[in-house]
């Protein structure tokens, strides 16, 4: 009988150890492919437009050339954030100035002249529209189930929607690369969406700059509340 009890205890002990070993994890390395931080991809592109010299040799832009430039701006939806660059080493200064004036007339930012590609010939000027485009990450991709994260680290895929929203909301993707320097104006930002009513020339009494407002009315109101008037009549 004692031998049977000893064998039974040994068997139960071995079974318990096996169950504990089955519940433990010794491999804490992450499974599957490594997770990466989702970021917006920003790329700078330059869209070219060729402006040939005038047939009569003048420096001013003909109506035909002006119309072609404006149609080019419209076709690429040129606007806020775009910078216009000119490359025309053989063109006269008057020719460059005429194109610059047209660019500013269209409400676009002029960035000056620079050699940006193959050298234009015969007085031709290449107009470049420099802009930044943003490509948002693919958030609908989860190579691992979050519950299987055995090392208990934060998933790098979290926050992808916030990153995507930022890329879609930013007015100029260039700001995602270098940001802006200089002073900012809260008033200018407010006036872009709201125009406050005009102020009258007269000032209210007691509210001039450097003086305190008249508090006598406030004090009188407080006294009236603490000492209410008594009624002359009586209730039955």
Protein backbone atom coordinates (compact mmCIF):
# COMPACT_ATOMS: atom_id res chain seq x y z
CA UNK A 1 0.00 0.00 0.00
CA UNK A 2 2.80 2.40 0.85
CA UNK A 3 4.51 1.60 -2.43
CA UNK A 4 1.31 2.45 -4.31
CA UNK A 5 0.98 5.79 -2.48
CA UNK A 6 4.59 6.66 -3.31
CA UNK A 7 4.10 5.88 -6.99
CA UNK A 8 0.84 7.92 -7.09
CA UNK A 9 2.46 10.97 -5.46
CA UNK A 10 5.39 10.80 -7.85
CA UNK A 11 3.03 10.64 -10.85
CA UNK A 12 0.98 13.61 -9.58
CA UNK A 13 4.12 15.63 -8.92
CA UNK A 14 5.43 14.94 -12.42
CA UNK A 15 2.09 15.93 -13.94
CA UNK A 16 2.08 19.21 -12.02
CA UNK A 17 5.59 20.08 -13.16
CA UNK A 18 4.62 19.35 -16.76
CA UNK A 19 1.57 21.63 -16.53
CA UNK A 20 3.65 24.48 -15.11
CA UNK A 21 6.22 24.09 -17.86
CA UNK A 22 3.48 24.22 -20.49
CA UNK A 23 2.19 27.55 -19.13
CA UNK A 24 5.58 29.29 -19.05
CA UNK A 25 7.23 31.21 -21.93
CA UNK A 26 10.96 31.17 -22.36
CA UNK A 27 11.14 32.83 -25.81
CA UNK A 28 10.55 36.60 -25.40
CA UNK A 29 11.68 37.57 -28.88
CA UNK A 30 9.01 39.36 -30.98
CA UNK A 31 7.28 37.18 -33.48
CA UNK A 32 6.66 38.01 -37.10
CA UNK A 33 8.15 40.93 -39.01
CA UNK A 34 9.57 43.88 -37.07
CA UNK A 35 7.17 46.79 -36.62
CA UNK A 36 8.15 50.20 -37.93
CA UNK A 37 7.00 53.70 -37.10
CA UNK A 38 4.49 55.00 -39.61
CA UNK A 39 5.48 58.41 -40.99
CA UNK A 40 4.32 60.76 -43.71
CA UNK A 41 6.51 60.68 -46.80
CA UNK A 42 7.27 64.19 -48.13
CA UNK A 43 8.79 64.68 -51.56
CA UNK A 44 9.83 67.83 -53.41
CA UNK A 45 8.93 68.05 -57.10
CA UNK A 46 9.54 70.70 -59.77
CA UNK A 47 7.07 71.10 -62.59
CA UNK A 48 8.67 72.80 -65.64
CA UNK A 49 7.21 75.13 -68.26
CA UNK A 50 9.22 76.40 -71.21
CA UNK A 51 8.99 80.06 -72.18
CA UNK A 52 10.63 80.63 -75.54
CA UNK A 53 11.96 84.00 -76.66
CA UNK A 54 9.72 86.37 -78.58
CA UNK A 55 9.80 86.22 -82.36
CA UNK A 56 10.37 89.98 -82.58
CA UNK A 57 13.24 89.83 -80.07
CA UNK A 58 11.54 92.01 -77.44
CA UNK A 59 11.95 91.41 -73.73
CA UNK A 60 8.33 91.98 -72.75
CA UNK A 61 5.96 89.04 -72.62
CA UNK A 62 3.51 88.80 -75.48
CA UNK A 63 -0.17 88.20 -74.77
CA UNK A 64 0.25 84.68 -76.15
CA UNK A 65 3.10 83.89 -73.74
CA UNK A 66 1.24 85.37 -70.77
CA UNK A 67 -1.84 83.29 -71.58
CA UNK A 68 0.27 80.13 -71.87
CA UNK A 69 1.89 80.74 -68.46
CA UNK A 70 -1.46 81.42 -66.77
CA UNK A 71 -2.97 78.29 -68.32
CA UNK A 72 0.00 76.30 -67.03
CA UNK A 73 -0.56 77.64 -63.51
CA UNK A 74 -4.23 76.72 -63.72
CA UNK A 75 -3.55 73.22 -65.07
CA UNK A 76 -1.37 72.30 -62.07
CA UNK A 77 -3.51 74.23 -59.57
CA UNK A 78 -0.62 76.45 -58.53
CA UNK A 79 -1.23 78.21 -55.25
CA UNK A 80 -0.25 78.38 -51.59
CA UNK A 81 3.05 76.71 -50.79
CA UNK A 82 4.32 76.70 -54.37
CA UNK A 83 7.53 78.58 -55.14
CA UNK A 84 8.26 79.76 -58.68
CA UNK A 85 11.86 79.51 -59.88
CA UNK A 86 13.31 80.69 -63.21
CA UNK A 87 16.24 79.23 -65.13
CA UNK A 88 17.30 81.35 -68.09
CA UNK A 89 20.98 82.29 -68.12
CA UNK A 90 20.82 83.74 -71.66
CA UNK A 91 17.65 85.78 -71.07
CA UNK A 92 17.94 89.49 -70.39
CA UNK A 93 17.19 90.96 -66.98
CA UNK A 94 14.19 92.77 -68.45
CA UNK A 95 12.80 89.43 -69.64
CA UNK A 96 13.26 87.85 -66.21
CA UNK A 97 11.68 90.90 -64.54
CA UNK A 98 8.66 90.66 -66.85
CA UNK A 99 8.09 87.00 -65.92
CA UNK A 100 8.58 87.80 -62.23
CA UNK A 101 5.94 90.52 -62.45
CA UNK A 102 3.47 88.07 -64.01
CA UNK A 103 4.17 85.51 -61.28
CA UNK A 104 3.50 88.03 -58.53
CA UNK A 105 0.41 89.26 -60.35
CA UNK A 106 -0.92 85.70 -60.20
CA UNK A 107 -0.48 85.79 -56.39
CA UNK A 108 2.33 83.23 -56.33
CA UNK A 109 5.64 83.24 -54.45
CA UNK A 110 8.68 84.09 -56.56
CA UNK A 111 11.89 82.38 -55.47
CA UNK A 112 14.40 83.91 -57.89
CA UNK A 113 16.65 82.41 -60.55
CA UNK A 114 18.77 79.28 -60.35
CA UNK A 115 20.31 76.61 -62.59
CA UNK A 116 17.97 73.69 -62.02
CA UNK A 117 18.38 71.48 -65.06
CA UNK A 118 19.81 71.34 -68.55
CA UNK A 119 20.89 74.78 -69.70
CA UNK A 120 18.15 76.47 -71.77
CA UNK A 121 19.24 77.71 -75.19
CA UNK A 122 18.47 80.67 -77.46
CA UNK A 123 17.12 82.91 -74.72
CA UNK A 124 14.58 80.37 -73.50
CA UNK A 125 13.50 80.55 -69.87
CA UNK A 126 12.37 77.45 -67.98
CA UNK A 127 9.81 78.26 -65.32
CA UNK A 128 9.72 75.74 -62.47
CA UNK A 129 6.89 75.35 -59.97
CA UNK A 130 8.53 73.91 -56.87
CA UNK A 131 6.18 72.18 -54.49
CA UNK A 132 6.16 69.52 -51.79
CA UNK A 133 3.74 66.60 -51.82
CA UNK A 134 2.91 64.33 -48.93
CA UNK A 135 2.04 60.63 -49.07
CA UNK A 136 0.33 59.25 -45.99
CA UNK A 137 1.21 55.79 -44.62
CA UNK A 138 -0.97 52.74 -45.00
CA UNK A 139 -2.74 52.36 -41.67
CA UNK A 140 -4.82 49.34 -42.65
CA UNK A 141 -1.96 46.93 -42.12
CA UNK A 142 -1.38 44.93 -38.95
CA UNK A 143 1.17 42.12 -39.36
CA UNK A 144 0.80 41.09 -35.73
CA UNK A 145 -2.12 40.70 -33.39
CA UNK A 146 -1.63 43.12 -30.52
CA UNK A 147 -2.45 40.46 -27.90
CA UNK A 148 0.51 38.36 -29.11
CA UNK A 149 3.04 41.05 -28.17
CA UNK A 150 5.02 38.93 -25.71
CA UNK A 151 7.65 41.58 -24.90
CA UNK A 152 4.85 43.94 -23.75
CA UNK A 153 6.11 46.90 -25.80
CA UNK A 154 3.93 49.60 -27.35
CA UNK A 155 2.93 48.80 -30.90
CA UNK A 156 4.67 51.15 -33.32
CA UNK A 157 1.61 51.04 -35.57
CA UNK A 158 -0.43 52.93 -33.00
CA UNK A 159 -0.77 56.63 -33.90
CA UNK A 160 -0.85 55.96 -37.64
CA UNK A 161 -4.26 57.65 -37.98
CA UNK A 162 -2.95 60.77 -36.22
CA UNK A 163 0.03 60.89 -38.59
CA UNK A 164 -2.26 60.50 -41.61
CA UNK A 165 -4.59 63.26 -40.42
CA UNK A 166 -1.64 65.62 -39.96
CA UNK A 167 -0.48 64.95 -43.51
CA UNK A 168 -3.95 65.62 -44.89
CA UNK A 169 -4.52 68.82 -42.88
CA UNK A 170 -1.20 70.60 -43.37
CA UNK A 171 -1.56 73.41 -45.90
CA UNK A 172 2.05 73.27 -47.06
CA UNK A 173 3.77 69.85 -46.81
CA UNK A 174 7.09 71.75 -46.80
CA UNK A 175 6.36 72.53 -43.13
CA UNK A 176 6.63 68.81 -42.30
CA UNK A 177 10.27 68.93 -43.40
CA UNK A 178 11.69 72.18 -42.04
CA UNK A 179 8.86 74.05 -40.32
CA UNK A 180 8.66 77.82 -40.30
CA UNK A 181 10.88 80.48 -38.81
CA UNK A 182 10.12 84.02 -37.76
CA UNK A 183 7.23 85.60 -35.96
CA UNK A 184 3.68 84.36 -36.17
CA UNK A 185 0.53 86.43 -35.86
CA UNK A 186 -2.50 85.12 -34.02
CA UNK A 187 -4.49 88.13 -35.22
CA UNK A 188 -3.74 87.28 -38.85
CA UNK A 189 -4.84 83.68 -38.30
CA UNK A 190 -8.12 84.81 -36.71
CA UNK A 191 -8.83 87.39 -39.40
CA UNK A 192 -8.48 84.66 -42.02
CA UNK A 193 -11.77 83.14 -40.78
CA UNK A 194 -13.44 85.98 -38.84
CA UNK A 195 -13.71 89.73 -39.26
CA UNK A 196 -14.59 91.49 -35.98
CA UNK A 197 -17.06 94.40 -36.12
CA UNK A 198 -15.62 97.90 -36.35
CA UNK A 199 -15.11 99.70 -33.06
CA UNK A 200 -16.74 103.05 -32.36
CA UNK A 201 -14.52 106.05 -31.69
CA UNK A 202 -16.03 106.87 -28.29
CA UNK A 203 -14.71 105.20 -25.15
CA UNK A 204 -16.87 104.09 -22.31
CA UNK A 205 -16.59 106.06 -19.11
CA UNK A 206 -14.04 104.65 -16.70
CA UNK A 207 -12.51 102.18 -19.16
CA UNK A 208 -9.78 104.33 -20.65
CA UNK A 209 -6.30 102.88 -20.92
CA UNK A 210 -4.42 103.02 -17.63
CA UNK A 211 -7.53 103.55 -15.44
CA UNK A 212 -9.71 101.17 -13.47
CA UNK A 213 -13.37 100.75 -14.38
CA UNK A 214 -16.00 102.47 -12.23
CA UNK A 215 -17.04 99.99 -9.54
CA UNK A 216 -19.65 102.16 -7.81
CA UNK A 217 -22.51 100.48 -9.69
CA UNK A 218 -21.20 97.06 -8.68
CA UNK A 219 -20.93 98.13 -5.05
CA UNK A 220 -24.47 99.55 -5.06
CA UNK A 221 -25.81 96.34 -6.52
CA UNK A 222 -24.04 94.30 -3.83
CA UNK A 223 -25.48 96.49 -1.05
CA UNK A 224 -28.97 96.17 -2.49
CA UNK A 225 -28.67 92.38 -2.46
CA UNK A 226 -27.43 92.25 1.14
CA UNK A 227 -30.04 94.76 2.41
CA UNK A 228 -33.24 94.13 0.48
CA UNK A 229 -36.00 96.74 0.89
CA UNK A 230 -38.81 95.88 3.31
CA UNK A 231 -42.37 95.76 2.09
CA UNK A 232 -44.79 98.32 3.55
CA UNK A 233 -47.74 95.96 3.24
CA UNK A 234 -48.46 92.83 5.27
CA UNK A 235 -49.88 89.46 4.35
CA UNK A 236 -53.00 88.25 5.95
